[in-house]
Amino acid sequence: MLIAFSRTFVLYLLIIVGIRLMGKKQVGELEPTELVLAMLMSDLAAVPMQDFGIPLLFGVVPIVTLLCITMALSVLTMYSLRFRLLLSGRPSIIVERGQLMQQELSRTRMTPDELMEELRLQGITDLSTVKYAILETSGRVSAILYANRQAVTPEQLDLHPEEPGLPLTIVAGGQLYPENLIRRGLDQSWLAQELARQGVNSIKEVFLLTVDEAGGVYFSRKEEEKA
């Protein structure tokens, strides 16, 4: 049992390291090399976990090798444009001035239905309002609308709304974040007053409490657990 635990723990840590090296990306945003790495690592780790007759090194060495290769490829893509284009490809313009680029859609093997689905996810239903739609190397579609179809900004209306800034979590799940309290220039006295204003007696009753740079407070009380 101890052997099974230790082998699983070591391989699990290796996979976590590999995922961290790929950065904070969703599966759909992974480059081809990163997706292959993730698939191979899971397969390589599964075999030593299940078969104790296989030495642990037979799983560790290939995974470490793949991580080293991935790091080397990452460095090459940073310094070589040709290698980056070869490995990751290049973005493709699939809509230009409201017109579908049919040959480019065929080349990228993307159907019109798939394109319209991607546009709908961005709140776009009329293809004629799209000046450019670009299929990125991650497989996502970026859409640029005509200027007269884009949302009006406060700057264009000569408005100057107050910038609330980044909200910091003060309390989450009944736990206090004292460093964020200090960063906002607040103290325990302020927290006690705010809790009293919200009608709670303890931070244990708070699900989420945030404060932005302008002093704006968001408060959410914990829901009572159902029996």
C-alpha atoms as a PDB file:
ATOM      1  CA  MET A   1       0.000   0.000   0.000  1.00  0.00           C
ATOM      2  CA  LEU A   2       2.846   2.396   0.857  1.00  0.00           C
ATOM      3  CA  ILE A   3       4.531   1.619  -2.478  1.00  0.00           C
ATOM      4  CA  ALA A   4       1.323   2.399  -4.369  1.00  0.00           C
ATOM      5  CA  PHE A   5       0.920   5.659  -2.481  1.00  0.00           C
ATOM      6  CA  SER A   6       4.512   6.805  -3.050  1.00  0.00           C
ATOM      7  CA  ARG A   7       4.507   5.918  -6.779  1.00  0.00           C
ATOM      8  CA  THR A   8       1.198   7.710  -7.317  1.00  0.00           C
ATOM      9  CA  PHE A   9       2.375  10.740  -5.352  1.00  0.00           C
ATOM     10  CA  VAL A  10       5.620  11.090  -7.339  1.00  0.00           C
ATOM     11  CA  LEU A  11       3.884  10.749 -10.700  1.00  0.00           C
ATOM     12  CA  TYR A  12       1.127  13.136  -9.639  1.00  0.00           C
ATOM     13  CA  LEU A  13       3.703  15.792  -8.714  1.00  0.00           C
ATOM     14  CA  LEU A  14       5.422  15.348 -12.077  1.00  0.00           C
ATOM     15  CA  ILE A  15       2.160  15.858 -13.962  1.00  0.00           C
ATOM     16  CA  ILE A  16       1.370  18.962 -11.892  1.00  0.00           C
ATOM     17  CA  VAL A  17       4.812  20.359 -12.763  1.00  0.00           C
ATOM     18  CA  GLY A  18       4.148  19.684 -16.435  1.00  0.00           C
ATOM     19  CA  ILE A  19       0.776  21.435 -16.333  1.00  0.00           C
ATOM     20  CA  ARG A  20       2.316  24.418 -14.531  1.00  0.00           C
ATOM     21  CA  LEU A  21       4.970  24.660 -17.237  1.00  0.00           C
ATOM     22  CA  MET A  22       2.212  24.948 -19.845  1.00  0.00           C
ATOM     23  CA  GLY A  23       0.821  27.997 -18.038  1.00  0.00           C
ATOM     24  CA  LYS A  24      -2.745  28.865 -17.115  1.00  0.00           C
ATOM     25  CA  LYS A  25      -4.574  27.739 -20.221  1.00  0.00           C
ATOM     26  CA  GLN A  26      -7.790  25.901 -20.854  1.00  0.00           C
ATOM     27  CA  VAL A  27      -7.731  22.723 -22.910  1.00  0.00           C
ATOM     28  CA  GLY A  28      -9.126  24.517 -25.960  1.00  0.00           C
ATOM     29  CA  GLU A  29      -6.333  27.110 -25.786  1.00  0.00           C
ATOM     30  CA  LEU A  30      -3.409  24.659 -25.740  1.00  0.00           C
ATOM     31  CA  GLU A  31      -0.910  24.696 -28.563  1.00  0.00           C
ATOM     32  CA  PRO A  32      -0.584  21.364 -30.451  1.00  0.00           C
ATOM     33  CA  THR A  33       2.685  20.535 -28.663  1.00  0.00           C
ATOM     34  CA  GLU A  34       1.131  21.264 -25.265  1.00  0.00           C
ATOM     35  CA  LEU A  35      -1.915  19.112 -26.000  1.00  0.00           C
ATOM     36  CA  VAL A  36       0.289  16.211 -27.096  1.00  0.00           C
ATOM     37  CA  LEU A  37       2.383  16.632 -23.942  1.00  0.00           C
ATOM     38  CA  ALA A  38      -0.684  16.498 -21.703  1.00  0.00           C
ATOM     39  CA  MET A  39      -1.993  13.348 -23.413  1.00  0.00           C
ATOM     40  CA  LEU A  40       1.359  11.546 -23.342  1.00  0.00           C
ATOM     41  CA  MET A  41       2.036  12.421 -19.699  1.00  0.00           C
ATOM     42  CA  SER A  42      -1.299  11.012 -18.574  1.00  0.00           C
ATOM     43  CA  ASP A  43      -0.672   7.765 -20.454  1.00  0.00           C
ATOM     44  CA  LEU A  44       2.913   7.426 -19.213  1.00  0.00           C
ATOM     45  CA  ALA A  45       1.885   8.038 -15.607  1.00  0.00           C
ATOM     46  CA  ALA A  46      -1.057   5.625 -15.685  1.00  0.00           C
ATOM     47  CA  VAL A  47       1.033   2.531 -16.490  1.00  0.00           C
ATOM     48  CA  PRO A  48       3.458   2.634 -13.480  1.00  0.00           C
ATOM     49  CA  MET A  49       0.538   3.531 -11.203  1.00  0.00           C
ATOM     50  CA  GLN A  50      -1.362   0.378 -12.132  1.00  0.00           C
ATOM     51  CA  ASP A  51       1.456  -2.094 -12.739  1.00  0.00           C
ATOM     52  CA  PHE A  52       3.854  -2.360  -9.775  1.00  0.00           C
ATOM     53  CA  GLY A  53       6.071  -4.690 -11.807  1.00  0.00           C
ATOM     54  CA  ILE A  54       7.194  -1.750 -13.936  1.00  0.00           C
ATOM     55  CA  PRO A  55      10.003   0.282 -12.303  1.00  0.00           C
ATOM     56  CA  LEU A  56       8.943   3.790 -11.330  1.00  0.00           C
ATOM     57  CA  LEU A  57      11.812   5.233 -13.379  1.00  0.00           C
ATOM     58  CA  PHE A  58      10.198   3.818 -16.523  1.00  0.00           C
ATOM     59  CA  GLY A  59       7.422   6.361 -15.959  1.00  0.00           C
ATOM     60  CA  VAL A  60       9.474   9.207 -14.491  1.00  0.00           C
ATOM     61  CA  VAL A  61      12.232   9.312 -17.143  1.00  0.00           C
ATOM     62  CA  PRO A  62       9.900   9.625 -20.188  1.00  0.00           C
ATOM     63  CA  ILE A  63       7.831  12.317 -18.453  1.00  0.00           C
ATOM     64  CA  VAL A  64      10.929  14.330 -17.498  1.00  0.00           C
ATOM     65  CA  THR A  65      12.221  13.899 -21.049  1.00  0.00           C
ATOM     66  CA  LEU A  66       8.969  15.233 -22.484  1.00  0.00           C
ATOM     67  CA  LEU A  67       9.093  18.218 -20.124  1.00  0.00           C
ATOM     68  CA  CYS A  68      12.657  18.994 -21.215  1.00  0.00           C
ATOM     69  CA  ILE A  69      11.694  18.744 -24.887  1.00  0.00           C
ATOM     70  CA  THR A  70       8.717  21.032 -24.289  1.00  0.00           C
ATOM     71  CA  MET A  71      10.890  23.630 -22.557  1.00  0.00           C
ATOM     72  CA  ALA A  72      13.411  23.470 -25.416  1.00  0.00           C
ATOM     73  CA  LEU A  73      10.633  23.930 -27.990  1.00  0.00           C
ATOM     74  CA  SER A  74       9.267  26.886 -26.013  1.00  0.00           C
ATOM     75  CA  VAL A  75      12.664  28.591 -26.102  1.00  0.00           C
ATOM     76  CA  LEU A  76      12.980  27.949 -29.842  1.00  0.00           C
ATOM     77  CA  THR A  77       9.537  29.404 -30.553  1.00  0.00           C
ATOM     78  CA  MET A  78      10.501  32.540 -28.618  1.00  0.00           C
ATOM     79  CA  TYR A  79      13.586  33.210 -30.709  1.00  0.00           C
ATOM     80  CA  SER A  80      12.699  31.770 -34.115  1.00  0.00           C
ATOM     81  CA  LEU A  81       9.717  33.081 -36.071  1.00  0.00           C
ATOM     82  CA  ARG A  82       9.976  30.356 -38.711  1.00  0.00           C
ATOM     83  CA  PHE A  83      10.027  27.620 -36.080  1.00  0.00           C
ATOM     84  CA  ARG A  84       7.067  29.203 -34.287  1.00  0.00           C
ATOM     85  CA  LEU A  85       5.043  29.315 -37.505  1.00  0.00           C
ATOM     86  CA  LEU A  86       5.990  25.714 -38.278  1.00  0.00           C
ATOM     87  CA  LEU A  87       5.035  24.478 -34.828  1.00  0.00           C
ATOM     88  CA  SER A  88       2.018  26.628 -33.989  1.00  0.00           C
ATOM     89  CA  GLY A  89       0.805  27.820 -37.361  1.00  0.00           C
ATOM     90  CA  ARG A  90      -0.466  31.331 -38.021  1.00  0.00           C
ATOM     91  CA  PRO A  91      -3.823  33.094 -37.549  1.00  0.00           C
ATOM     92  CA  SER A  92      -6.212  32.890 -40.498  1.00  0.00           C
ATOM     93  CA  ILE A  93      -8.610  35.627 -41.646  1.00  0.00           C
ATOM     94  CA  ILE A  94     -11.907  33.810 -42.254  1.00  0.00           C
ATOM     95  CA  VAL A  95     -14.195  36.855 -42.535  1.00  0.00           C
ATOM     96  CA  GLU A  96     -13.128  40.082 -44.243  1.00  0.00           C
ATOM     97  CA  ARG A  97     -15.441  43.089 -44.480  1.00  0.00           C
ATOM     98  CA  GLY A  98     -18.499  40.980 -43.845  1.00  0.00           C
ATOM     99  CA  GLN A  99     -17.608  38.392 -46.492  1.00  0.00           C
ATOM    100  CA  LEU A 100     -16.789  34.773 -45.754  1.00  0.00           C
ATOM    101  CA  MET A 101     -13.367  33.672 -46.967  1.00  0.00           C
ATOM    102  CA  GLN A 102     -14.579  30.308 -48.251  1.00  0.00           C
ATOM    103  CA  GLN A 103     -11.192  29.003 -49.347  1.00  0.00           C
ATOM    104  CA  GLU A 104      -9.661  29.887 -45.995  1.00  0.00           C
ATOM    105  CA  LEU A 105     -12.546  28.174 -44.170  1.00  0.00           C
ATOM    106  CA  SER A 106     -11.953  25.063 -46.264  1.00  0.00           C
ATOM    107  CA  ARG A 107      -8.216  25.188 -45.638  1.00  0.00           C
ATOM    108  CA  THR A 108      -8.714  25.397 -41.876  1.00  0.00           C
ATOM    109  CA  ARG A 109     -11.475  22.748 -42.027  1.00  0.00           C
ATOM    110  CA  MET A 110     -13.954  25.006 -40.259  1.00  0.00           C
ATOM    111  CA  THR A 111     -17.617  24.860 -41.245  1.00  0.00           C
ATOM    112  CA  PRO A 112     -19.871  27.945 -41.481  1.00  0.00           C
ATOM    113  CA  ASP A 113     -21.965  26.514 -38.628  1.00  0.00           C
ATOM    114  CA  GLU A 114     -18.901  26.336 -36.388  1.00  0.00           C
ATOM    115  CA  LEU A 115     -18.002  29.916 -37.288  1.00  0.00           C
ATOM    116  CA  MET A 116     -21.505  31.183 -36.517  1.00  0.00           C
ATOM    117  CA  GLU A 117     -21.445  29.340 -33.198  1.00  0.00           C
ATOM    118  CA  GLU A 118     -18.182  31.053 -32.243  1.00  0.00           C
ATOM    119  CA  LEU A 119     -19.614  34.439 -33.219  1.00  0.00           C
ATOM    120  CA  ARG A 120     -22.821  33.857 -31.250  1.00  0.00           C
ATOM    121  CA  LEU A 121     -20.730  33.125 -28.156  1.00  0.00           C
ATOM    122  CA  GLN A 122     -19.403  36.695 -28.568  1.00  0.00           C
ATOM    123  CA  GLY A 123     -22.913  38.108 -28.948  1.00  0.00           C
ATOM    124  CA  ILE A 124     -22.669  38.507 -32.731  1.00  0.00           C
ATOM    125  CA  THR A 125     -25.532  37.251 -34.892  1.00  0.00           C
ATOM    126  CA  ASP A 126     -25.174  39.390 -38.052  1.00  0.00           C
ATOM    127  CA  LEU A 127     -22.157  38.452 -40.151  1.00  0.00           C
ATOM    128  CA  SER A 128     -22.363  41.722 -42.123  1.00  0.00           C
ATOM    129  CA  THR A 129     -21.407  43.675 -38.975  1.00  0.00           C
ATOM    130  CA  VAL A 130     -18.072  41.843 -38.747  1.00  0.00           C
ATOM    131  CA  LYS A 131     -15.133  43.639 -40.366  1.00  0.00           C
ATOM    132  CA  TYR A 132     -12.675  40.866 -39.583  1.00  0.00           C
ATOM    133  CA  ALA A 133     -12.953  37.440 -37.979  1.00  0.00           C
ATOM    134  CA  ILE A 134      -9.670  35.706 -37.290  1.00  0.00           C
ATOM    135  CA  LEU A 135      -9.145  32.050 -36.455  1.00  0.00           C
ATOM    136  CA  GLU A 136      -6.347  32.137 -33.881  1.00  0.00           C
ATOM    137  CA  THR A 137      -3.717  29.431 -33.471  1.00  0.00           C
ATOM    138  CA  SER A 138      -5.511  28.286 -30.298  1.00  0.00           C
ATOM    139  CA  GLY A 139      -8.630  27.465 -32.355  1.00  0.00           C
ATOM    140  CA  ARG A 140     -10.653  30.386 -30.990  1.00  0.00           C
ATOM    141  CA  VAL A 141     -12.235  33.026 -33.232  1.00  0.00           C
ATOM    142  CA  SER A 142     -11.530  36.732 -32.655  1.00  0.00           C
ATOM    143  CA  ALA A 143     -14.095  39.109 -34.165  1.00  0.00           C
ATOM    144  CA  ILE A 144     -13.597  42.817 -34.913  1.00  0.00           C
ATOM    145  CA  LEU A 145     -16.802  44.712 -35.647  1.00  0.00           C
ATOM    146  CA  TYR A 146     -17.178  47.777 -37.836  1.00  0.00           C
ATOM    147  CA  ALA A 147     -16.636  50.978 -35.863  1.00  0.00           C
ATOM    148  CA  ASN A 148     -20.311  51.976 -36.096  1.00  0.00           C
ATOM    149  CA  ARG A 149     -21.296  48.594 -34.663  1.00  0.00           C
ATOM    150  CA  GLN A 150     -18.968  48.664 -31.677  1.00  0.00           C
ATOM    151  CA  ALA A 151     -20.122  49.608 -28.206  1.00  0.00           C
ATOM    152  CA  VAL A 152     -19.843  53.299 -27.348  1.00  0.00           C
ATOM    153  CA  THR A 153     -17.251  54.056 -24.685  1.00  0.00           C
ATOM    154  CA  PRO A 154     -17.553  56.714 -21.941  1.00  0.00           C
ATOM    155  CA  GLU A 155     -14.570  58.514 -23.507  1.00  0.00           C
ATOM    156  CA  GLN A 156     -16.448  58.923 -26.788  1.00  0.00           C
ATOM    157  CA  LEU A 157     -19.368  60.451 -24.851  1.00  0.00           C
ATOM    158  CA  ASP A 158     -16.963  62.731 -22.974  1.00  0.00           C
ATOM    159  CA  LEU A 159     -17.876  61.048 -19.696  1.00  0.00           C
ATOM    160  CA  HIS A 160     -15.445  60.423 -16.876  1.00  0.00           C
ATOM    161  CA  PRO A 161     -16.787  57.650 -14.665  1.00  0.00           C
ATOM    162  CA  GLU A 162     -15.034  56.849 -11.428  1.00  0.00           C
ATOM    163  CA  GLU A 163     -12.539  54.009 -11.646  1.00  0.00           C
ATOM    164  CA  PRO A 164     -13.430  51.466  -8.940  1.00  0.00           C
ATOM    165  CA  GLY A 165     -10.175  49.589  -9.420  1.00  0.00           C
ATOM    166  CA  LEU A 166      -9.465  45.975  -8.585  1.00  0.00           C
ATOM    167  CA  PRO A 167     -11.588  44.488  -5.780  1.00  0.00           C
ATOM    168  CA  LEU A 168      -9.582  42.643  -3.144  1.00  0.00           C
ATOM    169  CA  THR A 169     -11.026  39.752  -1.173  1.00  0.00           C
ATOM    170  CA  ILE A 170     -11.251  40.594   2.519  1.00  0.00           C
ATOM    171  CA  VAL A 171     -13.297  37.578   3.627  1.00  0.00           C
ATOM    172  CA  ALA A 172     -14.053  34.425   1.633  1.00  0.00           C
ATOM    173  CA  GLY A 173     -15.760  31.316   2.955  1.00  0.00           C
ATOM    174  CA  GLY A 174     -15.595  32.649   6.504  1.00  0.00           C
ATOM    175  CA  GLN A 175     -11.811  33.130   6.302  1.00  0.00           C
ATOM    176  CA  LEU A 176     -10.133  36.525   6.736  1.00  0.00           C
ATOM    177  CA  TYR A 177      -7.429  37.732   4.306  1.00  0.00           C
ATOM    178  CA  PRO A 178      -5.489  40.082   6.625  1.00  0.00           C
ATOM    179  CA  GLU A 179      -2.910  41.082   3.968  1.00  0.00           C
ATOM    180  CA  ASN A 180      -5.697  42.413   1.714  1.00  0.00           C
ATOM    181  CA  LEU A 181      -7.219  44.293   4.635  1.00  0.00           C
ATOM    182  CA  ILE A 182      -3.875  46.059   5.137  1.00  0.00           C
ATOM    183  CA  ARG A 183      -3.441  46.732   1.396  1.00  0.00           C
ATOM    184  CA  ARG A 184      -6.743  48.589   1.394  1.00  0.00           C
ATOM    185  CA  GLY A 185      -5.617  50.666   4.391  1.00  0.00           C
ATOM    186  CA  LEU A 186      -8.276  49.114   6.629  1.00  0.00           C
ATOM    187  CA  ASP A 187      -8.174  47.490  10.047  1.00  0.00           C
ATOM    188  CA  GLN A 188     -10.115  45.157  12.312  1.00  0.00           C
ATOM    189  CA  SER A 189     -12.165  48.068  13.629  1.00  0.00           C
ATOM    190  CA  TRP A 190     -13.414  48.881  10.129  1.00  0.00           C
ATOM    191  CA  LEU A 191     -14.196  45.207   9.529  1.00  0.00           C
ATOM    192  CA  ALA A 192     -16.208  44.969  12.736  1.00  0.00           C
ATOM    193  CA  GLN A 193     -18.203  48.071  11.771  1.00  0.00           C
ATOM    194  CA  GLU A 194     -18.846  46.723   8.269  1.00  0.00           C
ATOM    195  CA  LEU A 195     -20.013  43.352   9.606  1.00  0.00           C
ATOM    196  CA  ALA A 196     -22.367  45.138  12.013  1.00  0.00           C
ATOM    197  CA  ARG A 197     -23.699  47.250   9.134  1.00  0.00           C
ATOM    198  CA  GLN A 198     -24.372  44.096   7.148  1.00  0.00           C
ATOM    199  CA  GLY A 199     -26.149  42.524  10.134  1.00  0.00           C
ATOM    200  CA  VAL A 200     -23.688  39.720  10.908  1.00  0.00           C
ATOM    201  CA  ASN A 201     -21.813  39.021  14.126  1.00  0.00           C
ATOM    202  CA  SER A 202     -18.827  37.046  12.859  1.00  0.00           C
ATOM    203  CA  ILE A 203     -16.768  36.580   9.717  1.00  0.00           C
ATOM    204  CA  LYS A 204     -17.836  32.920   9.875  1.00  0.00           C
ATOM    205  CA  GLU A 205     -21.219  34.116   8.579  1.00  0.00           C
ATOM    206  CA  VAL A 206     -19.646  35.820   5.538  1.00  0.00           C
ATOM    207  CA  PHE A 207     -19.412  34.002   2.224  1.00  0.00           C
ATOM    208  CA  LEU A 208     -17.640  36.835   0.364  1.00  0.00           C
ATOM    209  CA  LEU A 209     -16.605  40.384   1.228  1.00  0.00           C
ATOM    210  CA  THR A 210     -14.531  42.464  -1.199  1.00  0.00           C
ATOM    211  CA  VAL A 211     -13.399  46.103  -1.253  1.00  0.00           C
ATOM    212  CA  ASP A 212     -12.273  47.950  -4.394  1.00  0.00           C
ATOM    213  CA  GLU A 213      -9.866  50.876  -4.702  1.00  0.00           C
ATOM    214  CA  ALA A 214     -12.709  53.402  -4.467  1.00  0.00           C
ATOM    215  CA  GLY A 215     -13.937  51.869  -1.208  1.00  0.00           C
ATOM    216  CA  GLY A 216     -16.869  50.060  -2.785  1.00  0.00           C
ATOM    217  CA  VAL A 217     -17.928  47.005  -0.784  1.00  0.00           C
ATOM    218  CA  TYR A 218     -19.472  43.806  -2.074  1.00  0.00           C
ATOM    219  CA  PHE A 219     -21.012  41.562   0.577  1.00  0.00           C
ATOM    220  CA  SER A 220     -22.570  38.105   0.389  1.00  0.00           C
ATOM    221  CA  ARG A 221     -23.824  36.248   3.441  1.00  0.00           C
ATOM    222  CA  LYS A 222     -23.430  32.492   3.812  1.00  0.00           C
ATOM    223  CA  GLU A 223     -26.565  30.552   3.041  1.00  0.00           C
ATOM    224  CA  GLU A 224     -27.931  28.340   5.746  1.00  0.00           C
ATOM    225  CA  GLU A 225     -27.239  24.675   5.137  1.00  0.00           C
ATOM    226  CA  LYS A 226     -30.316  22.630   4.362  1.00  0.00           C
ATOM    227  CA  ALA A 227     -31.030  19.736   6.670  1.00  0.00           C
END
